[in-house]
Amino acid sequence: TVLMTVLKVCGISDYKQFFLIVAAFQMWCMVYTFRRYSPNFWL
């Protein structure tokens, strides 16, 4: 709830924008770790 509140304060008003930000964060964490430690990023 705090996360949603902070994003609203920052000007995020539509839930799809919220979904995009969350999805970008989730995927960034995976890409960062997969890319660095996996011998086959695509796989």
PDB file of all heavy atoms in Angstrom:
ATOM      1  N   THR A   1       0.834  -1.204   0.000  1.00  0.00           N
ATOM      2  CA  THR A   1       0.000   0.000   0.000  1.00  0.00           C
ATOM      3  C   THR A   1       0.865   1.248   0.000  1.00  0.00           C
ATOM      4  O   THR A   1       0.557   2.238  -0.683  1.00  0.00           O
ATOM      5  CB  THR A   1      -0.934   0.009   1.226  1.00  0.00           C
ATOM      6  OG1 THR A   1      -1.706  -1.188   1.242  1.00  0.00           O
ATOM      7  CG2 THR A   1      -1.884   1.189   1.176  1.00  0.00           C
ATOM      8  N   VAL A   2       1.955   1.228   0.751  1.00  0.00           N
ATOM      9  CA  VAL A   2       2.892   2.365   0.762  1.00  0.00           C
ATOM     10  C   VAL A   2       3.461   2.580  -0.634  1.00  0.00           C
ATOM     11  O   VAL A   2       3.571   3.720  -1.108  1.00  0.00           O
ATOM     12  CB  VAL A   2       4.017   2.123   1.779  1.00  0.00           C
ATOM     13  CG1 VAL A   2       5.110   3.181   1.625  1.00  0.00           C
ATOM     14  CG2 VAL A   2       3.477   2.122   3.197  1.00  0.00           C
ATOM     15  N   LEU A   3       3.818   1.494  -1.309  1.00  0.00           N
ATOM     16  CA  LEU A   3       4.352   1.596  -2.668  1.00  0.00           C
ATOM     17  C   LEU A   3       3.348   2.263  -3.592  1.00  0.00           C
ATOM     18  O   LEU A   3       3.706   3.177  -4.366  1.00  0.00           O
ATOM     19  CB  LEU A   3       4.702   0.199  -3.190  1.00  0.00           C
ATOM     20  CG  LEU A   3       5.111   0.105  -4.665  1.00  0.00           C
ATOM     21  CD1 LEU A   3       6.394   0.886  -4.917  1.00  0.00           C
ATOM     22  CD2 LEU A   3       5.289  -1.355  -5.092  1.00  0.00           C
ATOM     23  N   MET A   4       2.094   1.823  -3.550  1.00  0.00           N
ATOM     24  CA  MET A   4       1.070   2.431  -4.411  1.00  0.00           C
ATOM     25  C   MET A   4       0.874   3.901  -4.071  1.00  0.00           C
ATOM     26  O   MET A   4       0.701   4.741  -4.963  1.00  0.00           O
ATOM     27  CB  MET A   4      -0.246   1.661  -4.264  1.00  0.00           C
ATOM     28  CG  MET A   4      -0.184   0.239  -4.823  1.00  0.00           C
ATOM     29  SD  MET A   4      -1.785  -0.611  -4.843  1.00  0.00           S
ATOM     30  CE  MET A   4      -2.058  -0.849  -3.082  1.00  0.00           C
ATOM     31  N   THR A   5       0.915   4.241  -2.776  1.00  0.00           N
ATOM     32  CA  THR A   5       0.752   5.632  -2.361  1.00  0.00           C
ATOM     33  C   THR A   5       1.889   6.503  -2.886  1.00  0.00           C
ATOM     34  O   THR A   5       1.659   7.603  -3.411  1.00  0.00           O
ATOM     35  CB  THR A   5       0.685   5.725  -0.825  1.00  0.00           C
ATOM     36  OG1 THR A   5      -0.434   4.972  -0.363  1.00  0.00           O
ATOM     37  CG2 THR A   5       0.550   7.165  -0.367  1.00  0.00           C
ATOM     38  N   VAL A   6       3.113   6.038  -2.753  1.00  0.00           N
ATOM     39  CA  VAL A   6       4.275   6.793  -3.230  1.00  0.00           C
ATOM     40  C   VAL A   6       4.189   7.012  -4.734  1.00  0.00           C
ATOM     41  O   VAL A   6       4.471   8.111  -5.232  1.00  0.00           O
ATOM     42  CB  VAL A   6       5.579   6.057  -2.858  1.00  0.00           C
ATOM     43  CG1 VAL A   6       6.777   6.696  -3.558  1.00  0.00           C
ATOM     44  CG2 VAL A   6       5.774   6.061  -1.350  1.00  0.00           C
ATOM     45  N   LEU A   7       3.790   5.987  -5.475  1.00  0.00           N
ATOM     46  CA  LEU A   7       3.669   6.135  -6.927  1.00  0.00           C
ATOM     47  C   LEU A   7       2.575   7.121  -7.298  1.00  0.00           C
ATOM     48  O   LEU A   7       2.722   7.910  -8.244  1.00  0.00           O
ATOM     49  CB  LEU A   7       3.398   4.769  -7.565  1.00  0.00           C
ATOM     50  CG  LEU A   7       4.569   3.784  -7.546  1.00  0.00           C
ATOM     51  CD1 LEU A   7       4.163   2.443  -8.130  1.00  0.00           C
ATOM     52  CD2 LEU A   7       5.761   4.342  -8.316  1.00  0.00           C
ATOM     53  N   LYS A   8       1.491   7.119  -6.545  1.00  0.00           N
ATOM     54  CA  LYS A   8       0.435   8.104  -6.804  1.00  0.00           C
ATOM     55  C   LYS A   8       0.929   9.519  -6.551  1.00  0.00           C
ATOM     56  O   LYS A   8       0.619  10.445  -7.305  1.00  0.00           O
ATOM     57  CB  LYS A   8      -0.790   7.792  -5.928  1.00  0.00           C
ATOM     58  CG  LYS A   8      -1.687   6.698  -6.472  1.00  0.00           C
ATOM     59  CD  LYS A   8      -2.985   6.617  -5.701  1.00  0.00           C
ATOM     60  CE  LYS A   8      -3.995   5.716  -6.382  1.00  0.00           C
ATOM     61  NZ  LYS A   8      -5.298   5.683  -5.682  1.00  0.00           N
ATOM     62  N   VAL A   9       1.698   9.683  -5.483  1.00  0.00           N
ATOM     63  CA  VAL A   9       2.263  10.999  -5.174  1.00  0.00           C
ATOM     64  C   VAL A   9       3.191  11.465  -6.295  1.00  0.00           C
ATOM     65  O   VAL A   9       3.264  12.654  -6.606  1.00  0.00           O
ATOM     66  CB  VAL A   9       3.017  10.957  -3.829  1.00  0.00           C
ATOM     67  CG1 VAL A   9       3.805  12.241  -3.601  1.00  0.00           C
ATOM     68  CG2 VAL A   9       2.050  10.723  -2.681  1.00  0.00           C
ATOM     69  N   CYS A  10       3.877  10.503  -6.921  1.00  0.00           N
ATOM     70  CA  CYS A  10       4.803  10.818  -8.016  1.00  0.00           C
ATOM     71  C   CYS A  10       4.096  11.055  -9.348  1.00  0.00           C
ATOM     72  O   CYS A  10       4.757  11.260 -10.372  1.00  0.00           O
ATOM     73  CB  CYS A  10       5.827   9.697  -8.169  1.00  0.00           C
ATOM     74  SG  CYS A  10       6.958   9.543  -6.765  1.00  0.00           S
ATOM     75  N   GLY A  11       2.767  11.003  -9.344  1.00  0.00           N
ATOM     76  CA  GLY A  11       2.014  11.318 -10.552  1.00  0.00           C
ATOM     77  C   GLY A  11       1.463  10.140 -11.313  1.00  0.00           C
ATOM     78  O   GLY A  11       0.901  10.307 -12.406  1.00  0.00           O
ATOM     79  N   ILE A  12       1.623   8.915 -10.790  1.00  0.00           N
ATOM     80  CA  ILE A  12       1.071   7.731 -11.447  1.00  0.00           C
ATOM     81  C   ILE A  12      -0.398   7.610 -11.055  1.00  0.00           C
ATOM     82  O   ILE A  12      -0.720   7.332  -9.912  1.00  0.00           O
ATOM     83  CB  ILE A  12       1.834   6.458 -11.037  1.00  0.00           C
ATOM     84  CG1 ILE A  12       3.326   6.616 -11.322  1.00  0.00           C
ATOM     85  CG2 ILE A  12       1.267   5.247 -11.754  1.00  0.00           C
ATOM     86  CD1 ILE A  12       3.657   6.895 -12.772  1.00  0.00           C
ATOM     87  N   SER A  13      -1.280   7.841 -12.001  1.00  0.00           N
ATOM     88  CA  SER A  13      -2.710   7.875 -11.686  1.00  0.00           C
ATOM     89  C   SER A  13      -3.504   6.715 -12.268  1.00  0.00           C
ATOM     90  O   SER A  13      -4.605   6.424 -11.805  1.00  0.00           O
ATOM     91  CB  SER A  13      -3.317   9.194 -12.194  1.00  0.00           C
ATOM     92  OG  SER A  13      -3.106   9.328 -13.593  1.00  0.00           O
ATOM     93  N   ASP A  14      -2.949   6.060 -13.282  1.00  0.00           N
ATOM     94  CA  ASP A  14      -3.662   4.975 -13.954  1.00  0.00           C
ATOM     95  C   ASP A  14      -3.074   3.634 -13.531  1.00  0.00           C
ATOM     96  O   ASP A  14      -1.847   3.493 -13.426  1.00  0.00           O
ATOM     97  CB  ASP A  14      -3.564   5.143 -15.470  1.00  0.00           C
ATOM     98  CG  ASP A  14      -4.374   4.085 -16.210  1.00  0.00           C
ATOM     99  OD1 ASP A  14      -5.606   4.206 -16.258  1.00  0.00           O
ATOM    100  OD2 ASP A  14      -3.751   3.117 -16.715  1.00  0.00           O
ATOM    101  N   TYR A  15      -3.928   2.631 -13.317  1.00  0.00           N
ATOM    102  CA  TYR A  15      -3.432   1.349 -12.836  1.00  0.00           C
ATOM    103  C   TYR A  15      -2.529   0.659 -13.850  1.00  0.00           C
ATOM    104  O   TYR A  15      -1.639  -0.118 -13.487  1.00  0.00           O
ATOM    105  CB  TYR A  15      -4.597   0.437 -12.435  1.00  0.00           C
ATOM    106  CG  TYR A  15      -5.355  -0.201 -13.579  1.00  0.00           C
ATOM    107  CD1 TYR A  15      -4.935  -1.402 -14.126  1.00  0.00           C
ATOM    108  CD2 TYR A  15      -6.511   0.387 -14.091  1.00  0.00           C
ATOM    109  CE1 TYR A  15      -5.624  -2.000 -15.168  1.00  0.00           C
ATOM    110  CE2 TYR A  15      -7.213  -0.202 -15.132  1.00  0.00           C
ATOM    111  CZ  TYR A  15      -6.771  -1.396 -15.675  1.00  0.00           C
ATOM    112  OH  TYR A  15      -7.460  -1.980 -16.694  1.00  0.00           O
ATOM    113  N   LYS A  16      -2.707   0.940 -15.139  1.00  0.00           N
ATOM    114  CA  LYS A  16      -1.839   0.334 -16.147  1.00  0.00           C
ATOM    115  C   LYS A  16      -0.414   0.879 -16.047  1.00  0.00           C
ATOM    116  O   LYS A  16       0.549   0.156 -16.277  1.00  0.00           O
ATOM    117  CB  LYS A  16      -2.411   0.561 -17.548  1.00  0.00           C
ATOM    118  CG  LYS A  16      -3.692  -0.214 -17.800  1.00  0.00           C
ATOM    119  CD  LYS A  16      -4.200   0.004 -19.204  1.00  0.00           C
ATOM    120  CE  LYS A  16      -5.519  -0.747 -19.420  1.00  0.00           C
ATOM    121  NZ  LYS A  16      -6.076  -0.521 -20.763  1.00  0.00           N
ATOM    122  N   GLN A  17      -0.300   2.160 -15.707  1.00  0.00           N
ATOM    123  CA  GLN A  17       1.026   2.716 -15.463  1.00  0.00           C
ATOM    124  C   GLN A  17       1.675   2.030 -14.264  1.00  0.00           C
ATOM    125  O   GLN A  17       2.880   1.741 -14.262  1.00  0.00           O
ATOM    126  CB  GLN A  17       0.919   4.219 -15.218  1.00  0.00           C
ATOM    127  CG  GLN A  17       0.434   5.026 -16.414  1.00  0.00           C
ATOM    128  CD  GLN A  17       0.206   6.488 -16.067  1.00  0.00           C
ATOM    129  OE1 GLN A  17      -0.213   6.819 -14.954  1.00  0.00           O
ATOM    130  NE2 GLN A  17       0.500   7.371 -17.011  1.00  0.00           N
ATOM    131  N   PHE A  18       0.863   1.774 -13.255  1.00  0.00           N
ATOM    132  CA  PHE A  18       1.349   1.059 -12.071  1.00  0.00           C
ATOM    133  C   PHE A  18       1.810  -0.343 -12.440  1.00  0.00           C
ATOM    134  O   PHE A  18       2.892  -0.785 -12.029  1.00  0.00           O
ATOM    135  CB  PHE A  18       0.228   1.013 -11.032  1.00  0.00           C
ATOM    136  CG  PHE A  18       0.505   0.113  -9.857  1.00  0.00           C
ATOM    137  CD1 PHE A  18       1.594   0.334  -9.030  1.00  0.00           C
ATOM    138  CD2 PHE A  18      -0.343  -0.955  -9.574  1.00  0.00           C
ATOM    139  CE1 PHE A  18       1.854  -0.499  -7.953  1.00  0.00           C
ATOM    140  CE2 PHE A  18      -0.100  -1.783  -8.493  1.00  0.00           C
ATOM    141  CZ  PHE A  18       1.013  -1.555  -7.678  1.00  0.00           C
ATOM    142  N   PHE A  19       1.000  -1.042 -13.244  1.00  0.00           N
ATOM    143  CA  PHE A  19       1.383  -2.380 -13.687  1.00  0.00           C
ATOM    144  C   PHE A  19       2.700  -2.354 -14.472  1.00  0.00           C
ATOM    145  O   PHE A  19       3.556  -3.237 -14.312  1.00  0.00           O
ATOM    146  CB  PHE A  19       0.290  -2.981 -14.566  1.00  0.00           C
ATOM    147  CG  PHE A  19      -0.937  -3.425 -13.817  1.00  0.00           C
ATOM    148  CD1 PHE A  19      -2.093  -3.798 -14.488  1.00  0.00           C
ATOM    149  CD2 PHE A  19      -0.946  -3.472 -12.433  1.00  0.00           C
ATOM    150  CE1 PHE A  19      -3.219  -4.223 -13.803  1.00  0.00           C
ATOM    151  CE2 PHE A  19      -2.075  -3.890 -11.733  1.00  0.00           C
ATOM    152  CZ  PHE A  19      -3.211  -4.261 -12.412  1.00  0.00           C
ATOM    153  N   LEU A  20       2.867  -1.332 -15.330  1.00  0.00           N
ATOM    154  CA  LEU A  20       4.081  -1.224 -16.129  1.00  0.00           C
ATOM    155  C   LEU A  20       5.316  -1.038 -15.253  1.00  0.00           C
ATOM    156  O   LEU A  20       6.359  -1.668 -15.478  1.00  0.00           O
ATOM    157  CB  LEU A  20       3.963  -0.053 -17.112  1.00  0.00           C
ATOM    158  CG  LEU A  20       3.337  -0.337 -18.475  1.00  0.00           C
ATOM    159  CD1 LEU A  20       3.160   0.951 -19.251  1.00  0.00           C
ATOM    160  CD2 LEU A  20       4.208  -1.308 -19.276  1.00  0.00           C
ATOM    161  N   ILE A  21       5.207  -0.177 -14.263  1.00  0.00           N
ATOM    162  CA  ILE A  21       6.341   0.092 -13.378  1.00  0.00           C
ATOM    163  C   ILE A  21       6.718  -1.166 -12.600  1.00  0.00           C
ATOM    164  O   ILE A  21       7.897  -1.516 -12.483  1.00  0.00           O
ATOM    165  CB  ILE A  21       6.009   1.255 -12.422  1.00  0.00           C
ATOM    166  CG1 ILE A  21       5.923   2.564 -13.215  1.00  0.00           C
ATOM    167  CG2 ILE A  21       7.049   1.379 -11.310  1.00  0.00           C
ATOM    168  CD1 ILE A  21       5.441   3.743 -12.409  1.00  0.00           C
ATOM    169  N   VAL A  22       5.705  -1.851 -12.076  1.00  0.00           N
ATOM    170  CA  VAL A  22       5.965  -3.072 -11.319  1.00  0.00           C
ATOM    171  C   VAL A  22       6.588  -4.136 -12.229  1.00  0.00           C
ATOM    172  O   VAL A  22       7.574  -4.791 -11.859  1.00  0.00           O
ATOM    173  CB  VAL A  22       4.668  -3.609 -10.677  1.00  0.00           C
ATOM    174  CG1 VAL A  22       4.893  -5.004 -10.099  1.00  0.00           C
ATOM    175  CG2 VAL A  22       4.196  -2.669  -9.585  1.00  0.00           C
ATOM    176  N   ALA A  23       6.032  -4.309 -13.432  1.00  0.00           N
ATOM    177  CA  ALA A  23       6.553  -5.310 -14.371  1.00  0.00           C
ATOM    178  C   ALA A  23       7.990  -4.984 -14.767  1.00  0.00           C
ATOM    179  O   ALA A  23       8.830  -5.884 -14.881  1.00  0.00           O
ATOM    180  CB  ALA A  23       5.666  -5.387 -15.611  1.00  0.00           C
ATOM    181  N   ALA A  24       8.285  -3.692 -14.979  1.00  0.00           N
ATOM    182  CA  ALA A  24       9.643  -3.288 -15.351  1.00  0.00           C
ATOM    183  C   ALA A  24      10.623  -3.600 -14.219  1.00  0.00           C
ATOM    184  O   ALA A  24      11.741  -4.072 -14.461  1.00  0.00           O
ATOM    185  CB  ALA A  24       9.672  -1.803 -15.680  1.00  0.00           C
ATOM    186  N   PHE A  25      10.205  -3.356 -12.985  1.00  0.00           N
ATOM    187  CA  PHE A  25      11.072  -3.657 -11.846  1.00  0.00           C
ATOM    188  C   PHE A  25      11.305  -5.160 -11.714  1.00  0.00           C
ATOM    189  O   PHE A  25      12.442  -5.612 -11.531  1.00  0.00           O
ATOM    190  CB  PHE A  25      10.457  -3.114 -10.556  1.00  0.00           C
ATOM    191  CG  PHE A  25      11.182  -3.571  -9.314  1.00  0.00           C
ATOM    192  CD1 PHE A  25      12.384  -2.991  -8.946  1.00  0.00           C
ATOM    193  CD2 PHE A  25      10.658  -4.595  -8.523  1.00  0.00           C
ATOM    194  CE1 PHE A  25      13.062  -3.424  -7.815  1.00  0.00           C
ATOM    195  CE2 PHE A  25      11.334  -5.028  -7.390  1.00  0.00           C
ATOM    196  CZ  PHE A  25      12.543  -4.438  -7.035  1.00  0.00           C
ATOM    197  N   GLN A  26      10.232  -5.924 -11.813  1.00  0.00           N
ATOM    198  CA  GLN A  26      10.364  -7.377 -11.695  1.00  0.00           C
ATOM    199  C   GLN A  26      11.291  -7.931 -12.772  1.00  0.00           C
ATOM    200  O   GLN A  26      12.184  -8.737 -12.495  1.00  0.00           O
ATOM    201  CB  GLN A  26       8.974  -8.029 -11.795  1.00  0.00           C
ATOM    202  CG  GLN A  26       8.062  -7.722 -10.618  1.00  0.00           C
ATOM    203  CD  GLN A  26       6.633  -8.186 -10.864  1.00  0.00           C
ATOM    204  OE1 GLN A  26       6.197  -8.319 -12.018  1.00  0.00           O
ATOM    205  NE2 GLN A  26       5.885  -8.428  -9.803  1.00  0.00           N
ATOM    206  N   MET A  27      11.069  -7.507 -14.011  1.00  0.00           N
ATOM    207  CA  MET A  27      11.878  -8.030 -15.103  1.00  0.00           C
ATOM    208  C   MET A  27      13.324  -7.544 -15.014  1.00  0.00           C
ATOM    209  O   MET A  27      14.256  -8.285 -15.358  1.00  0.00           O
ATOM    210  CB  MET A  27      11.260  -7.640 -16.451  1.00  0.00           C
ATOM    211  CG  MET A  27      11.869  -8.343 -17.635  1.00  0.00           C
ATOM    212  SD  MET A  27      11.726 -10.161 -17.570  1.00  0.00           S
ATOM    213  CE  MET A  27      10.029 -10.393 -18.130  1.00  0.00           C
ATOM    214  N   TRP A  28      13.529  -6.329 -14.535  1.00  0.00           N
ATOM    215  CA  TRP A  28      14.888  -5.829 -14.390  1.00  0.00           C
ATOM    216  C   TRP A  28      15.675  -6.689 -13.403  1.00  0.00           C
ATOM    217  O   TRP A  28      16.844  -7.020 -13.647  1.00  0.00           O
ATOM    218  CB  TRP A  28      14.893  -4.380 -13.902  1.00  0.00           C
ATOM    219  CG  TRP A  28      16.288  -3.844 -13.720  1.00  0.00           C
ATOM    220  CD1 TRP A  28      17.089  -3.285 -14.670  1.00  0.00           C
ATOM    221  CD2 TRP A  28      17.053  -3.861 -12.505  1.00  0.00           C
ATOM    222  NE1 TRP A  28      18.312  -2.946 -14.121  1.00  0.00           N
ATOM    223  CE2 TRP A  28      18.313  -3.283 -12.805  1.00  0.00           C
ATOM    224  CE3 TRP A  28      16.803  -4.292 -11.208  1.00  0.00           C
ATOM    225  CZ2 TRP A  28      19.313  -3.134 -11.842  1.00  0.00           C
ATOM    226  CZ3 TRP A  28      17.790  -4.146 -10.244  1.00  0.00           C
ATOM    227  CH2 TRP A  28      19.029  -3.571 -10.566  1.00  0.00           C
ATOM    228  N   CYS A  29      15.050  -7.063 -12.298  1.00  0.00           N
ATOM    229  CA  CYS A  29      15.714  -7.912 -11.310  1.00  0.00           C
ATOM    230  C   CYS A  29      16.108  -9.247 -11.926  1.00  0.00           C
ATOM    231  O   CYS A  29      17.214  -9.757 -11.683  1.00  0.00           O
ATOM    232  CB  CYS A  29      14.806  -8.145 -10.099  1.00  0.00           C
ATOM    233  SG  CYS A  29      14.531  -6.690  -9.068  1.00  0.00           S
ATOM    234  N   MET A  30      15.210  -9.822 -12.734  1.00  0.00           N
ATOM    235  CA  MET A  30      15.522 -11.103 -13.368  1.00  0.00           C
ATOM    236  C   MET A  30      16.588 -10.955 -14.437  1.00  0.00           C
ATOM    237  O   MET A  30      17.525 -11.770 -14.514  1.00  0.00           O
ATOM    238  CB  MET A  30      14.243 -11.712 -13.960  1.00  0.00           C
ATOM    239  CG  MET A  30      13.313 -12.298 -12.912  1.00  0.00           C
ATOM    240  SD  MET A  30      11.928 -13.185 -13.648  1.00  0.00           S
ATOM    241  CE  MET A  30      10.974 -11.819 -14.282  1.00  0.00           C
ATOM    242  N   VAL A  31      16.465  -9.927 -15.267  1.00  0.00           N
ATOM    243  CA  VAL A  31      17.452  -9.722 -16.327  1.00  0.00           C
ATOM    244  C   VAL A  31      18.830  -9.479 -15.718  1.00  0.00           C
ATOM    245  O   VAL A  31      19.834 -10.023 -16.193  1.00  0.00           O
ATOM    246  CB  VAL A  31      17.034  -8.537 -17.225  1.00  0.00           C
ATOM    247  CG1 VAL A  31      18.188  -8.119 -18.141  1.00  0.00           C
ATOM    248  CG2 VAL A  31      15.824  -8.912 -18.065  1.00  0.00           C
ATOM    249  N   TYR A  32      18.884  -8.672 -14.670  1.00  0.00           N
ATOM    250  CA  TYR A  32      20.163  -8.370 -14.026  1.00  0.00           C
ATOM    251  C   TYR A  32      20.840  -9.651 -13.541  1.00  0.00           C
ATOM    252  O   TYR A  32      22.039  -9.867 -13.767  1.00  0.00           O
ATOM    253  CB  TYR A  32      19.940  -7.416 -12.854  1.00  0.00           C
ATOM    254  CG  TYR A  32      21.188  -7.138 -12.049  1.00  0.00           C
ATOM    255  CD1 TYR A  32      22.130  -6.205 -12.497  1.00  0.00           C
ATOM    256  CD2 TYR A  32      21.435  -7.810 -10.858  1.00  0.00           C
ATOM    257  CE1 TYR A  32      23.280  -5.959 -11.775  1.00  0.00           C
ATOM    258  CE2 TYR A  32      22.594  -7.574 -10.133  1.00  0.00           C
ATOM    259  CZ  TYR A  32      23.505  -6.647 -10.590  1.00  0.00           C
ATOM    260  OH  TYR A  32      24.649  -6.419  -9.872  1.00  0.00           O
ATOM    261  N   THR A  33      20.084 -10.513 -12.879  1.00  0.00           N
ATOM    262  CA  THR A  33      20.668 -11.730 -12.309  1.00  0.00           C
ATOM    263  C   THR A  33      20.903 -12.799 -13.370  1.00  0.00           C
ATOM    264  O   THR A  33      21.961 -13.437 -13.400  1.00  0.00           O
ATOM    265  CB  THR A  33      19.753 -12.277 -11.198  1.00  0.00           C
ATOM    266  OG1 THR A  33      19.527 -11.243 -10.226  1.00  0.00           O
ATOM    267  CG2 THR A  33      20.409 -13.457 -10.496  1.00  0.00           C
ATOM    268  N   PHE A  34      19.931 -13.007 -14.262  1.00  0.00           N
ATOM    269  CA  PHE A  34      20.114 -14.001 -15.327  1.00  0.00           C
ATOM    270  C   PHE A  34      21.293 -13.627 -16.226  1.00  0.00           C
ATOM    271  O   PHE A  34      22.113 -14.475 -16.586  1.00  0.00           O
ATOM    272  CB  PHE A  34      18.853 -14.117 -16.179  1.00  0.00           C
ATOM    273  CG  PHE A  34      17.757 -14.931 -15.559  1.00  0.00           C
ATOM    274  CD1 PHE A  34      16.426 -14.660 -15.844  1.00  0.00           C
ATOM    275  CD2 PHE A  34      18.041 -15.976 -14.697  1.00  0.00           C
ATOM    276  CE1 PHE A  34      15.401 -15.419 -15.281  1.00  0.00           C
ATOM    277  CE2 PHE A  34      17.026 -16.738 -14.128  1.00  0.00           C
ATOM    278  CZ  PHE A  34      15.710 -16.451 -14.420  1.00  0.00           C
ATOM    279  N   ARG A  35      21.337 -12.360 -16.609  1.00  0.00           N
ATOM    280  CA  ARG A  35      22.381 -11.930 -17.536  1.00  0.00           C
ATOM    281  C   ARG A  35      23.774 -12.111 -16.930  1.00  0.00           C
ATOM    282  O   ARG A  35      24.719 -12.494 -17.624  1.00  0.00           O
ATOM    283  CB  ARG A  35      22.159 -10.467 -17.913  1.00  0.00           C
ATOM    284  CG  ARG A  35      23.197  -9.921 -18.877  1.00  0.00           C
ATOM    285  CD  ARG A  35      23.099  -8.417 -19.022  1.00  0.00           C
ATOM    286  NE  ARG A  35      24.310  -7.920 -19.688  1.00  0.00           N
ATOM    287  CZ  ARG A  35      25.434  -7.656 -19.055  1.00  0.00           C
ATOM    288  NH1 ARG A  35      25.521  -7.844 -17.748  1.00  0.00           N
ATOM    289  NH2 ARG A  35      26.483  -7.195 -19.725  1.00  0.00           N
ATOM    290  N   ARG A  36      23.901 -11.856 -15.653  1.00  0.00           N
ATOM    291  CA  ARG A  36      25.218 -11.914 -15.019  1.00  0.00           C
ATOM    292  C   ARG A  36      25.652 -13.342 -14.686  1.00  0.00           C
ATOM    293  O   ARG A  36      26.824 -13.688 -14.851  1.00  0.00           O
ATOM    294  CB  ARG A  36      25.236 -11.065 -13.754  1.00  0.00           C
ATOM    295  CG  ARG A  36      26.598 -11.048 -13.058  1.00  0.00           C
ATOM    296  CD  ARG A  36      26.776  -9.879 -12.148  1.00  0.00           C
ATOM    297  NE  ARG A  36      28.112  -9.871 -11.549  1.00  0.00           N
ATOM    298  CZ  ARG A  36      29.221  -9.460 -12.144  1.00  0.00           C
ATOM    299  NH1 ARG A  36      29.153  -9.021 -13.399  1.00  0.00           N
ATOM    300  NH2 ARG A  36      30.383  -9.484 -11.533  1.00  0.00           N
ATOM    301  N   TYR A  37      24.713 -14.165 -14.244  1.00  0.00           N
ATOM    302  CA  TYR A  37      25.120 -15.464 -13.701  1.00  0.00           C
ATOM    303  C   TYR A  37      24.719 -16.666 -14.543  1.00  0.00           C
ATOM    304  O   TYR A  37      25.233 -17.764 -14.326  1.00  0.00           O
ATOM    305  CB  TYR A  37      24.557 -15.619 -12.278  1.00  0.00           C
ATOM    306  CG  TYR A  37      25.099 -14.574 -11.329  1.00  0.00           C
ATOM    307  CD1 TYR A  37      24.294 -13.532 -10.884  1.00  0.00           C
ATOM    308  CD2 TYR A  37      26.425 -14.614 -10.908  1.00  0.00           C
ATOM    309  CE1 TYR A  37      24.792 -12.561 -10.024  1.00  0.00           C
ATOM    310  CE2 TYR A  37      26.932 -13.641 -10.049  1.00  0.00           C
ATOM    311  CZ  TYR A  37      26.120 -12.621  -9.619  1.00  0.00           C
ATOM    312  OH  TYR A  37      26.611 -11.656  -8.771  1.00  0.00           O
ATOM    313  N   SER A  38      23.805 -16.491 -15.497  1.00  0.00           N
ATOM    314  CA  SER A  38      23.409 -17.635 -16.318  1.00  0.00           C
ATOM    315  C   SER A  38      24.354 -17.786 -17.507  1.00  0.00           C
ATOM    316  O   SER A  38      24.668 -16.796 -18.180  1.00  0.00           O
ATOM    317  CB  SER A  38      21.978 -17.458 -16.822  1.00  0.00           C
ATOM    318  OG  SER A  38      21.647 -18.500 -17.723  1.00  0.00           O
ATOM    319  N   PRO A  39      24.773 -18.996 -17.812  1.00  0.00           N
ATOM    320  CA  PRO A  39      25.616 -19.216 -18.994  1.00  0.00           C
ATOM    321  C   PRO A  39      24.830 -19.117 -20.300  1.00  0.00           C
ATOM    322  O   PRO A  39      25.417 -19.055 -21.374  1.00  0.00           O
ATOM    323  CB  PRO A  39      26.160 -20.632 -18.790  1.00  0.00           C
ATOM    324  CG  PRO A  39      25.098 -21.307 -17.982  1.00  0.00           C
ATOM    325  CD  PRO A  39      24.546 -20.251 -17.070  1.00  0.00           C
ATOM    326  N   ASN A  40      23.499 -19.109 -20.206  1.00  0.00           N
ATOM    327  CA  ASN A  40      22.648 -19.032 -21.393  1.00  0.00           C
ATOM    328  C   ASN A  40      21.432 -18.174 -21.059  1.00  0.00           C
ATOM    329  O   ASN A  40      20.397 -18.677 -20.625  1.00  0.00           O
ATOM    330  CB  ASN A  40      22.216 -20.440 -21.836  1.00  0.00           C
ATOM    331  CG  ASN A  40      21.582 -20.448 -23.211  1.00  0.00           C
ATOM    332  OD1 ASN A  40      20.875 -19.516 -23.579  1.00  0.00           O
ATOM    333  ND2 ASN A  40      21.819 -21.503 -23.972  1.00  0.00           N
ATOM    334  N   PHE A  41      21.582 -16.869 -21.263  1.00  0.00           N
ATOM    335  CA  PHE A  41      20.530 -15.919 -20.885  1.00  0.00           C
ATOM    336  C   PHE A  41      19.214 -16.232 -21.604  1.00  0.00           C
ATOM    337  O   PHE A  41      18.146 -16.219 -20.991  1.00  0.00           O
ATOM    338  CB  PHE A  41      20.977 -14.493 -21.214  1.00  0.00           C
ATOM    339  CG  PHE A  41      19.927 -13.447 -20.964  1.00  0.00           C
ATOM    340  CD1 PHE A  41      19.656 -13.012 -19.679  1.00  0.00           C
ATOM    341  CD2 PHE A  41      19.199 -12.902 -22.015  1.00  0.00           C
ATOM    342  CE1 PHE A  41      18.681 -12.058 -19.441  1.00  0.00           C
ATOM    343  CE2 PHE A  41      18.226 -11.943 -21.793  1.00  0.00           C
ATOM    344  CZ  PHE A  41      17.972 -11.516 -20.497  1.00  0.00           C
ATOM    345  N   TRP A  42      19.292 -16.527 -22.899  1.00  0.00           N
ATOM    346  CA  TRP A  42      18.061 -16.798 -23.647  1.00  0.00           C
ATOM    347  C   TRP A  42      17.322 -17.991 -23.064  1.00  0.00           C
ATOM    348  O   TRP A  42      16.099 -17.955 -22.890  1.00  0.00           O
ATOM    349  CB  TRP A  42      18.385 -17.088 -25.116  1.00  0.00           C
ATOM    350  CG  TRP A  42      17.154 -17.396 -25.921  1.00  0.00           C
ATOM    351  CD1 TRP A  42      16.351 -16.497 -26.560  1.00  0.00           C
ATOM    352  CD2 TRP A  42      16.559 -18.695 -26.122  1.00  0.00           C
ATOM    353  NE1 TRP A  42      15.292 -17.151 -27.165  1.00  0.00           N
ATOM    354  CE2 TRP A  42      15.388 -18.495 -26.905  1.00  0.00           C
ATOM    355  CE3 TRP A  42      16.887 -19.970 -25.721  1.00  0.00           C
ATOM    356  CZ2 TRP A  42      14.571 -19.551 -27.291  1.00  0.00           C
ATOM    357  CZ3 TRP A  42      16.077 -21.033 -26.094  1.00  0.00           C
ATOM    358  CH2 TRP A  42      14.934 -20.813 -26.879  1.00  0.00           C
ATOM    359  N   LEU A  43      18.044 -19.055 -22.762  1.00  0.00           N
ATOM    360  CA  LEU A  43      17.401 -20.258 -22.252  1.00  0.00           C
ATOM    361  C   LEU A  43      16.786 -20.012 -20.878  1.00  0.00           C
ATOM    362  O   LEU A  43      15.722 -20.552 -20.572  1.00  0.00           O
ATOM    363  CB  LEU A  43      18.411 -21.407 -22.187  1.00  0.00           C
ATOM    364  CG  LEU A  43      17.853 -22.799 -21.883  1.00  0.00           C
ATOM    365  CD1 LEU A  43      16.739 -23.165 -22.863  1.00  0.00           C
ATOM    366  CD2 LEU A  43      18.957 -23.848 -21.930  1.00  0.00           C
TER     367      LEU A  43
END
